[in-house]
Amino acid sequence: MARAVSACVHCGFCLATCPTYRELGQEMDTPRGRIVLMKEVLEGKMSFEAAQPHVDRCLGCLACEPACPSGVPYRDLISPFRALAASKMQRSPMERARRFMTAQTVPYAGRFRLAAWMGKVGKLVPVPEALRPMLDLIPDVIPPAQSWKKVYPAFGEKRARVALLLGCAQQVLDPDINTATIEVLTRNGVEVIIPPSQGCCGGLAWHTGALEAAQKFARKNLDAFPADVDAILTNAAGCGSAMHEYHLVLRGTPDEARAETFRHRVMDVSAFLAKLGLREPLCQMKIKAAYHDACHLANAQNVRRQPRELLNSIPGLQLMEFADAHLCCGSAGTYNLDQPEIAASLGLQKAGSVISTGAEIVVSGNIGCLTQLKMHLKKLGSSIQVKHTLQVLRDAMRTSS
C-alpha cells in the first residue's frame, strides 16, 4: 500500500476521469485527494473517521488507472484501505444494519431471491429512508429460478474446456445471462463445467472492507474450480475483477501463491470468445445497439475491444458509441445503497447518453450496469432494451439456426 501511495505525483490527470469529482467538484473526492487522505491516516496524522466519507464516495471504477501517467495501482489502495478502516472505526446503527443485511443476502442466490420477493412487498409499505434505495433496485418482474447442470458438452468438435462462475445477484435478477453464455460457448465447440461448490466471487465483501468474508469466498472458489480447464470464465465484470484481485484479498496468507496462480486463469467470456473465434454462423440483425463499457471490464481487466468485435460480427447490427462513455454508470456493486444520490445522478446521466444515440438496445457485460441502466431508462420513459453481450450473440445464433 505504501508503495502505491508514493507512486502518485499529484499531476491531476485522474481528475477528468473521476465521476465523483465531476459530481462534487471537491479535491478530496478525487483519486489523488483520496491518496493524500489515506497517506495522512496511515501516518497517524488524520483519523479514519475524518477520511472515510471521501473514501466511501469512491466508486472503485478504476477509471483513474488508465489515465495515470505514473501507473499508480489505485486498486492496491482503495480496497485494502477500506478493509483496514473497517476494523478501526464505528458506523451508525442503521448503517451497520443495512450493511449486515446486504452482506447476508446478496452473495447468496437463494437468500437474495427471497429478499427480492420480500422487497416487492416492502415497496407497498413505509420503510426507513436508508432502506429505500435497496427496494428501488428490485425489478418489477423477478425471473423464475433456473438451475444448471454440472457439465455441458461441446457441440461438434471440442475446441476448449472451461469452468463458469454463475454469480450471485445475476442468478436472481437475470439468470438467462448464464443460460445464454452456456449456449453460445457450447455451440462454438466449448465444453462448459459448472463447479457445484462454487460461491460468491467475494467482490461485494472486498470492496466494502469486509476482509474476512472476502477471504472466505475467495478460498471457497480456489477449492471449487478445477485446474484441468483452459480458462475460468466470468460473465459479470465485477466478479471477474474481484477474482483477479484474489492475490490482494489473500495477501500475507498461506493461500496467496495459490490465488496468484488462480487469477491468471480467469477471463471474461467476451475476451475468451474473441480469442477463440466464433465458429457458429450469425444471422442478420438490423438493429442499432449502444455498447456500455462496464468499469470493471474496461478499466480493471482492459477488455474493451473484444465485446465490440463480437457484436460487430453480427451482420446488420450497427454499434453506437455515446458521450462520456468512460464515466461510471453509478452501479459499482453496492454503491446504489451506500451513496444513493450520487449513484442516481450518474445513472440518469448514463441513461440520457444512451437515449441520445437513438439506439434500440444497450449492451453491457455486467449485471450491476444492466440493472442500473434498466432502472434509469425506465425513469426517463425509454423503451430501449437492455441486454448482456452474450444474450445478443445467443439471439443471433438462434435465429440463424
Protein backbone atom coordinates (compact mmCIF):
# COMPACT_ATOMS: atom_id res chain seq x y z
CA MET A 1 0.00 0.00 0.00
CA ALA A 2 2.81 2.42 0.89
CA ARG A 3 4.50 1.79 -2.48
CA ALA A 4 1.30 2.63 -4.35
CA VAL A 5 0.82 5.81 -2.28
CA SER A 6 4.34 7.03 -3.04
CA ALA A 7 3.88 6.45 -6.80
CA CYS A 8 1.32 9.28 -7.05
CA VAL A 9 2.92 12.58 -8.19
CA HIS A 10 -0.39 14.51 -7.88
CA CYS A 11 -0.37 15.55 -11.54
CA GLY A 12 -4.18 15.69 -11.75
CA PHE A 13 -4.68 13.64 -14.92
CA CYS A 14 -7.13 11.48 -12.96
CA LEU A 15 -9.50 14.36 -12.19
CA ALA A 16 -11.22 14.41 -15.58
CA THR A 17 -11.94 10.69 -15.39
CA CYS A 18 -13.28 10.62 -11.83
CA PRO A 19 -17.10 10.51 -11.60
CA THR A 20 -17.23 11.82 -8.03
CA TYR A 21 -15.07 14.81 -8.91
CA ARG A 22 -17.41 15.55 -11.81
CA GLU A 23 -20.35 15.32 -9.42
CA LEU A 24 -18.98 17.06 -6.33
CA GLY A 25 -16.07 19.19 -7.54
CA GLN A 26 -14.04 18.59 -4.38
CA GLU A 27 -10.34 17.77 -4.38
CA MET A 28 -10.76 15.23 -1.58
CA ASP A 29 -13.24 13.32 -3.76
CA THR A 30 -10.64 12.61 -6.44
CA PRO A 31 -8.18 9.72 -6.64
CA ARG A 32 -5.20 11.92 -5.79
CA GLY A 33 -7.15 13.56 -2.97
CA ARG A 34 -8.08 10.18 -1.50
CA ILE A 35 -4.46 9.06 -1.78
CA VAL A 36 -3.43 12.08 0.30
CA LEU A 37 -6.11 11.23 2.86
CA MET A 38 -5.05 7.59 3.06
CA LYS A 39 -1.43 8.63 3.46
CA GLU A 40 -2.35 11.01 6.28
CA VAL A 41 -4.30 8.28 8.06
CA LEU A 42 -1.54 5.69 7.68
CA GLU A 43 0.99 8.18 9.08
CA GLY A 44 -1.24 8.88 12.06
CA LYS A 45 -1.93 12.49 11.10
CA MET A 46 -5.66 12.01 10.48
CA SER A 47 -8.37 9.77 11.89
CA PHE A 48 -10.15 7.10 9.88
CA GLU A 49 -13.45 8.85 10.66
CA ALA A 50 -12.26 12.10 9.05
CA ALA A 51 -11.11 10.41 5.85
CA GLN A 52 -13.80 7.79 5.48
CA PRO A 53 -16.63 9.91 3.98
CA HIS A 54 -14.42 10.71 0.99
CA VAL A 55 -13.14 7.13 0.72
CA ASP A 56 -16.71 5.82 0.91
CA ARG A 57 -17.70 8.01 -2.05
CA CYS A 58 -15.16 6.31 -4.32
CA LEU A 59 -16.96 4.07 -6.81
CA GLY A 60 -13.89 1.91 -7.28
CA CYS A 61 -14.43 2.26 -11.04
CA LEU A 62 -10.65 2.46 -11.62
CA ALA A 63 -11.04 4.98 -14.46
CA CYS A 64 -8.08 6.74 -12.86
CA GLU A 65 -5.71 3.85 -13.57
CA PRO A 66 -5.56 4.07 -17.40
CA ALA A 67 -5.43 7.88 -17.12
CA CYS A 68 -2.46 7.88 -14.72
CA PRO A 69 0.92 8.57 -16.40
CA SER A 70 2.73 7.26 -13.32
CA GLY A 71 0.89 3.95 -13.35
CA VAL A 72 -0.43 4.24 -9.80
CA PRO A 73 -2.14 0.90 -8.95
CA TYR A 74 -5.16 2.53 -7.28
CA ARG A 75 -6.84 -0.85 -6.82
CA ASP A 76 -3.98 -1.80 -4.49
CA LEU A 77 -5.03 1.10 -2.26
CA ILE A 78 -8.78 1.53 -2.10
CA SER A 79 -9.99 -1.95 -1.07
CA PRO A 80 -7.10 -2.75 1.30
CA PHE A 81 -7.60 0.65 2.97
CA ARG A 82 -11.32 0.00 3.36
CA ALA A 83 -10.53 -3.35 4.94
CA LEU A 84 -8.16 -1.65 7.38
CA ALA A 85 -10.70 1.08 8.16
CA ALA A 86 -13.47 -1.44 8.80
CA SER A 87 -11.59 -2.72 11.84
CA LYS A 88 -10.77 0.75 13.16
CA MET A 89 -13.96 2.81 13.06
CA GLN A 90 -17.59 2.69 14.12
CA ARG A 91 -20.59 3.31 11.85
CA SER A 92 -24.11 4.30 12.85
CA PRO A 93 -26.50 1.53 13.94
CA MET A 94 -28.64 1.99 10.81
CA GLU A 95 -25.56 1.85 8.56
CA ARG A 96 -24.32 -1.30 10.27
CA ALA A 97 -27.77 -2.89 9.95
CA ARG A 98 -28.02 -2.07 6.24
CA ARG A 99 -24.52 -3.39 5.53
CA PHE A 100 -25.26 -6.55 7.51
CA MET A 101 -28.50 -7.15 5.56
CA THR A 102 -26.70 -6.68 2.26
CA ALA A 103 -23.80 -8.94 3.24
CA GLN A 104 -26.15 -11.70 4.38
CA THR A 105 -28.38 -11.70 1.30
CA VAL A 106 -26.78 -10.54 -1.97
CA PRO A 107 -23.87 -13.06 -2.04
CA TYR A 108 -26.28 -15.98 -1.60
CA ALA A 109 -28.63 -16.51 -4.53
CA GLY A 110 -31.33 -18.31 -2.53
CA ARG A 111 -31.43 -15.70 0.21
CA PHE A 112 -31.30 -12.88 -2.31
CA ARG A 113 -34.26 -14.28 -4.23
CA LEU A 114 -36.28 -14.47 -1.00
CA ALA A 115 -35.20 -10.93 -0.06
CA ALA A 116 -36.20 -9.67 -3.51
CA TRP A 117 -39.69 -11.09 -3.16
CA MET A 118 -39.99 -9.61 0.32
CA GLY A 119 -38.75 -6.31 -1.10
CA LYS A 120 -41.55 -6.25 -3.65
CA VAL A 121 -43.96 -6.30 -0.72
CA GLY A 122 -41.85 -3.69 1.06
CA LYS A 123 -42.37 -1.27 -1.82
CA LEU A 124 -46.01 -1.05 -0.81
CA VAL A 125 -45.42 -0.08 2.82
CA PRO A 126 -43.43 2.68 4.56
CA VAL A 127 -39.79 1.75 5.25
CA PRO A 128 -36.85 3.72 6.70
CA GLU A 129 -35.37 6.12 4.14
CA ALA A 130 -31.98 4.39 4.41
CA LEU A 131 -33.55 1.17 3.05
CA ARG A 132 -35.49 2.75 0.17
CA PRO A 133 -32.58 2.52 -2.37
CA MET A 134 -32.49 -1.25 -1.78
CA LEU A 135 -36.14 -1.54 -2.77
CA ASP A 136 -35.75 0.69 -5.82
CA LEU A 137 -33.29 -1.79 -7.34
CA ILE A 138 -35.74 -4.69 -7.23
CA PRO A 139 -37.19 -5.27 -10.73
CA ASP A 140 -40.93 -5.24 -11.32
CA VAL A 141 -40.69 -8.83 -12.54
CA ILE A 142 -38.36 -11.32 -10.84
CA PRO A 143 -37.47 -14.04 -13.38
CA PRO A 144 -38.24 -17.66 -12.48
CA ALA A 145 -35.39 -19.51 -10.81
CA GLN A 146 -33.14 -21.51 -13.13
CA SER A 147 -30.73 -24.34 -12.42
CA TRP A 148 -27.76 -25.57 -14.40
CA LYS A 149 -26.17 -28.98 -14.90
CA LYS A 150 -22.62 -29.76 -13.82
CA VAL A 151 -21.39 -30.33 -17.38
CA TYR A 152 -22.49 -29.05 -20.79
CA PRO A 153 -20.78 -30.91 -23.66
CA ALA A 154 -19.50 -29.04 -26.66
CA PHE A 155 -21.44 -29.21 -29.92
CA GLY A 156 -19.42 -30.88 -32.65
CA GLU A 157 -15.64 -30.85 -32.43
CA LYS A 158 -14.48 -29.76 -28.97
CA ARG A 159 -12.23 -26.72 -29.13
CA ALA A 160 -11.85 -25.93 -25.43
CA ARG A 161 -12.97 -26.81 -21.91
CA VAL A 162 -13.85 -24.10 -19.40
CA ALA A 163 -15.37 -23.62 -15.94
CA LEU A 164 -18.02 -20.91 -15.48
CA LEU A 165 -18.82 -18.73 -12.46
CA LEU A 166 -22.59 -18.27 -12.21
CA GLY A 167 -22.58 -15.19 -9.99
CA CYS A 168 -24.98 -14.38 -7.15
CA ALA A 169 -27.27 -11.44 -7.88
CA GLN A 170 -27.21 -12.38 -11.56
CA GLN A 171 -28.83 -15.75 -10.83
CA VAL A 172 -31.79 -13.84 -9.39
CA LEU A 173 -32.01 -10.67 -11.47
CA ASP A 174 -31.27 -12.17 -14.90
CA PRO A 175 -30.42 -15.90 -14.86
CA ASP A 176 -30.85 -16.02 -18.64
CA ILE A 177 -27.39 -14.44 -18.93
CA ASN A 178 -25.86 -17.69 -17.68
CA THR A 179 -28.09 -19.78 -19.96
CA ALA A 180 -27.15 -17.64 -22.96
CA THR A 181 -23.46 -17.85 -22.06
CA ILE A 182 -23.54 -21.64 -21.89
CA GLU A 183 -25.43 -21.89 -25.19
CA VAL A 184 -23.01 -19.61 -27.05
CA LEU A 185 -19.98 -21.43 -25.68
CA THR A 186 -21.22 -24.97 -26.35
CA ARG A 187 -22.41 -24.12 -29.86
CA ASN A 188 -18.93 -22.83 -30.56
CA GLY A 189 -17.29 -26.08 -29.50
CA VAL A 190 -16.59 -25.31 -25.84
CA GLU A 191 -17.34 -27.78 -23.05
CA VAL A 192 -18.64 -25.90 -20.01
CA ILE A 193 -18.15 -27.09 -16.42
CA ILE A 194 -20.30 -25.62 -13.62
CA PRO A 195 -18.46 -26.35 -10.35
CA PRO A 196 -21.24 -27.23 -7.88
CA SER A 197 -19.36 -25.97 -4.80
CA GLN A 198 -18.62 -22.51 -6.21
CA GLY A 199 -19.81 -19.44 -4.33
CA CYS A 200 -19.89 -15.68 -4.47
CA CYS A 201 -16.79 -14.08 -6.01
CA GLY A 202 -16.37 -12.06 -2.82
CA GLY A 203 -16.38 -8.72 -4.64
CA LEU A 204 -19.12 -7.18 -2.52
CA ALA A 205 -17.25 -8.01 0.69
CA TRP A 206 -13.85 -6.99 -0.66
CA HIS A 207 -14.98 -3.60 -1.96
CA THR A 208 -16.76 -2.72 1.29
CA GLY A 209 -13.87 -3.64 3.57
CA ALA A 210 -15.18 -6.98 4.88
CA LEU A 211 -11.83 -8.72 4.55
CA GLU A 212 -12.59 -11.94 6.44
CA ALA A 213 -15.74 -12.56 4.39
CA ALA A 214 -13.87 -11.80 1.14
CA GLN A 215 -11.15 -14.27 2.09
CA LYS A 216 -13.72 -16.94 2.89
CA PHE A 217 -15.37 -16.53 -0.53
CA ALA A 218 -12.00 -16.49 -2.31
CA ARG A 219 -10.82 -19.71 -0.65
CA LYS A 220 -14.12 -21.40 -1.45
CA ASN A 221 -13.64 -20.68 -5.15
CA LEU A 222 -9.97 -21.60 -5.12
CA ASP A 223 -11.08 -25.02 -3.89
CA ALA A 224 -14.13 -25.29 -6.17
CA PHE A 225 -12.68 -24.58 -9.61
CA PRO A 226 -10.76 -27.36 -11.35
CA ALA A 227 -7.23 -26.99 -12.66
CA ASP A 228 -7.78 -29.09 -15.81
CA VAL A 229 -9.63 -26.41 -17.78
CA ASP A 230 -8.43 -23.95 -20.39
CA ALA A 231 -9.91 -20.99 -18.52
CA ILE A 232 -12.15 -19.94 -15.66
CA LEU A 233 -14.80 -17.72 -17.23
CA THR A 234 -16.93 -14.95 -15.80
CA ASN A 235 -19.78 -13.10 -17.49
CA ALA A 236 -20.05 -10.32 -14.92
CA ALA A 237 -17.34 -7.67 -14.95
CA GLY A 238 -17.45 -7.12 -11.19
CA CYS A 239 -16.99 -10.82 -10.50
CA GLY A 240 -14.10 -11.12 -12.90
CA SER A 241 -12.39 -8.08 -11.41
CA ALA A 242 -12.79 -9.45 -7.88
CA MET A 243 -11.33 -12.82 -8.85
CA HIS A 244 -8.39 -11.07 -10.49
CA GLU A 245 -7.71 -9.50 -7.08
CA TYR A 246 -7.66 -12.71 -5.05
CA HIS A 247 -3.91 -12.25 -4.57
CA LEU A 248 -4.69 -8.96 -2.78
CA VAL A 249 -7.56 -10.46 -0.79
CA LEU A 250 -5.32 -13.29 0.42
CA ARG A 251 -2.08 -11.32 0.69
CA GLY A 252 0.05 -12.48 3.60
CA THR A 253 -1.83 -15.76 3.99
CA PRO A 254 -0.75 -19.31 3.05
CA ASP A 255 -3.14 -19.11 0.06
CA GLU A 256 -1.53 -16.06 -1.59
CA ALA A 257 0.55 -18.08 -4.07
CA ARG A 258 -2.44 -20.24 -4.97
CA ALA A 259 -4.50 -17.08 -5.54
CA GLU A 260 -1.79 -15.62 -7.76
CA THR A 261 -1.89 -18.70 -10.00
CA PHE A 262 -5.68 -18.78 -9.98
CA ARG A 263 -6.20 -15.17 -11.06
CA HIS A 264 -4.18 -15.64 -14.24
CA ARG A 265 -6.63 -18.34 -15.34
CA VAL A 266 -9.68 -16.04 -15.01
CA MET A 267 -11.05 -14.48 -18.20
CA ASP A 268 -14.17 -12.60 -19.18
CA VAL A 269 -16.25 -14.67 -21.57
CA SER A 270 -16.12 -11.97 -24.26
CA ALA A 271 -12.32 -11.95 -24.19
CA PHE A 272 -12.24 -15.75 -24.35
CA LEU A 273 -14.62 -15.93 -27.32
CA ALA A 274 -12.86 -13.15 -29.20
CA LYS A 275 -9.58 -15.03 -28.82
CA LEU A 276 -11.08 -18.41 -29.71
CA GLY A 277 -13.15 -17.07 -32.60
CA LEU A 278 -16.82 -17.70 -33.31
CA ARG A 279 -17.50 -20.87 -35.27
CA GLU A 280 -21.30 -20.67 -35.24
CA PRO A 281 -22.88 -18.59 -38.05
CA LEU A 282 -24.78 -15.45 -37.05
CA CYS A 283 -27.93 -14.17 -38.67
CA GLN A 284 -28.61 -10.64 -39.75
CA MET A 285 -29.98 -8.37 -37.03
CA LYS A 286 -30.87 -4.93 -38.35
CA ILE A 287 -30.68 -3.07 -35.09
CA LYS A 288 -28.91 -0.09 -33.55
CA ALA A 289 -27.07 -1.11 -30.40
CA ALA A 290 -25.23 1.13 -27.92
CA TYR A 291 -22.39 -0.54 -26.03
CA HIS A 292 -21.70 0.48 -22.43
CA ASP A 293 -18.25 -0.33 -21.04
CA ALA A 294 -18.60 -1.81 -17.57
CA CYS A 295 -15.87 -0.17 -15.48
CA HIS A 296 -14.58 -3.45 -14.07
CA LEU A 297 -14.33 -4.83 -17.58
CA ALA A 298 -12.72 -1.86 -19.34
CA ASN A 299 -10.60 -0.39 -16.55
CA ALA A 300 -9.91 -3.34 -14.26
CA GLN A 301 -9.47 -6.04 -16.94
CA ASN A 302 -8.64 -3.95 -20.03
CA VAL A 303 -11.42 -5.64 -22.01
CA ARG A 304 -12.80 -3.02 -24.39
CA ARG A 305 -12.17 -4.20 -27.92
CA GLN A 306 -13.37 -7.79 -27.60
CA PRO A 307 -17.10 -7.25 -26.86
CA ARG A 308 -17.27 -4.75 -29.70
CA GLU A 309 -15.63 -7.23 -32.07
CA LEU A 310 -18.18 -9.88 -31.15
CA LEU A 311 -21.12 -7.51 -31.62
CA ASN A 312 -19.73 -6.16 -34.89
CA SER A 313 -19.57 -9.74 -36.20
CA ILE A 314 -23.40 -9.79 -36.27
CA PRO A 315 -24.48 -8.80 -39.80
CA GLY A 316 -26.65 -5.70 -39.86
CA LEU A 317 -26.01 -4.66 -36.27
CA GLN A 318 -24.96 -1.01 -36.03
CA LEU A 319 -22.86 -0.36 -32.96
CA MET A 320 -23.29 3.09 -31.44
CA GLU A 321 -20.91 4.94 -29.11
CA PHE A 322 -22.06 7.76 -26.83
CA ALA A 323 -20.76 10.80 -24.96
CA ASP A 324 -18.80 10.40 -21.71
CA ALA A 325 -18.77 6.63 -22.20
CA HIS A 326 -15.76 6.39 -19.87
CA LEU A 327 -17.78 7.58 -16.87
CA CYS A 328 -19.23 5.04 -14.45
CA CYS A 329 -22.99 4.43 -14.59
CA GLY A 330 -23.16 4.63 -10.79
CA SER A 331 -23.86 0.97 -10.06
CA ALA A 332 -20.47 -0.14 -8.69
CA GLY A 333 -21.60 -3.07 -6.57
CA THR A 334 -23.46 -1.71 -3.55
CA TYR A 335 -22.85 1.95 -4.42
CA ASN A 336 -26.56 2.49 -5.09
CA LEU A 337 -27.12 1.58 -1.46
CA ASP A 338 -24.09 3.35 0.01
CA GLN A 339 -24.30 6.62 -1.95
CA PRO A 340 -27.80 6.73 -3.49
CA GLU A 341 -27.80 10.40 -4.55
CA ILE A 342 -24.53 10.21 -6.49
CA ALA A 343 -25.48 6.83 -7.94
CA ALA A 344 -28.84 8.16 -9.13
CA SER A 345 -27.27 11.21 -10.75
CA LEU A 346 -24.69 9.11 -12.60
CA GLY A 347 -27.34 6.59 -13.64
CA LEU A 348 -29.64 9.23 -15.10
CA GLN A 349 -26.75 10.84 -16.98
CA LYS A 350 -25.74 7.49 -18.44
CA ALA A 351 -29.31 6.64 -19.44
CA GLY A 352 -29.66 10.05 -21.08
CA SER A 353 -26.47 9.46 -23.07
CA VAL A 354 -27.77 6.10 -24.24
CA ILE A 355 -31.09 7.62 -25.35
CA SER A 356 -29.27 10.34 -27.30
CA THR A 357 -27.68 7.73 -29.59
CA GLY A 358 -31.05 6.63 -30.98
CA ALA A 359 -30.17 3.02 -30.14
CA GLU A 360 -32.84 0.33 -29.85
CA ILE A 361 -30.86 -1.74 -27.36
CA VAL A 362 -28.00 -1.05 -24.98
CA VAL A 363 -25.50 -3.83 -24.33
CA SER A 364 -23.07 -4.36 -21.47
CA GLY A 365 -21.15 -7.09 -19.68
CA ASN A 366 -22.07 -6.65 -16.03
CA ILE A 367 -25.29 -7.37 -14.15
CA GLY A 368 -24.90 -4.27 -11.97
CA CYS A 369 -24.65 -2.00 -15.01
CA LEU A 370 -27.58 -3.72 -16.70
CA THR A 371 -29.76 -3.30 -13.60
CA GLN A 372 -28.77 0.36 -13.26
CA LEU A 373 -29.45 1.08 -16.93
CA LYS A 374 -32.85 -0.63 -16.82
CA MET A 375 -33.90 1.35 -13.78
CA HIS A 376 -32.90 4.76 -15.12
CA LEU A 377 -34.04 4.21 -18.68
CA LYS A 378 -37.44 3.34 -17.23
CA LYS A 379 -37.40 6.53 -15.12
CA LEU A 380 -36.80 8.53 -18.29
CA GLY A 381 -39.67 6.76 -20.06
CA SER A 382 -37.43 4.96 -22.55
CA SER A 383 -38.30 1.63 -24.16
CA ILE A 384 -34.69 0.80 -25.04
CA GLN A 385 -33.98 -2.85 -24.27
CA VAL A 386 -31.04 -3.75 -22.02
CA LYS A 387 -29.09 -6.94 -22.80
CA HIS A 388 -25.86 -8.70 -21.99
CA THR A 389 -23.38 -9.19 -24.84
CA LEU A 390 -23.87 -12.97 -24.69
CA GLN A 391 -27.65 -12.64 -24.86
CA VAL A 392 -27.34 -10.68 -28.10
CA LEU A 393 -24.95 -13.28 -29.54
CA ARG A 394 -27.24 -16.12 -28.46
CA ASP A 395 -30.22 -14.45 -30.14
CA ALA A 396 -28.26 -14.05 -33.38
CA MET A 397 -27.26 -17.73 -33.31
CA ARG A 398 -30.75 -18.98 -32.58
CA THR A 399 -32.27 -17.01 -35.44
CA SER A 400 -29.66 -18.36 -37.84
CA SER A 401 -30.43 -21.98 -36.98
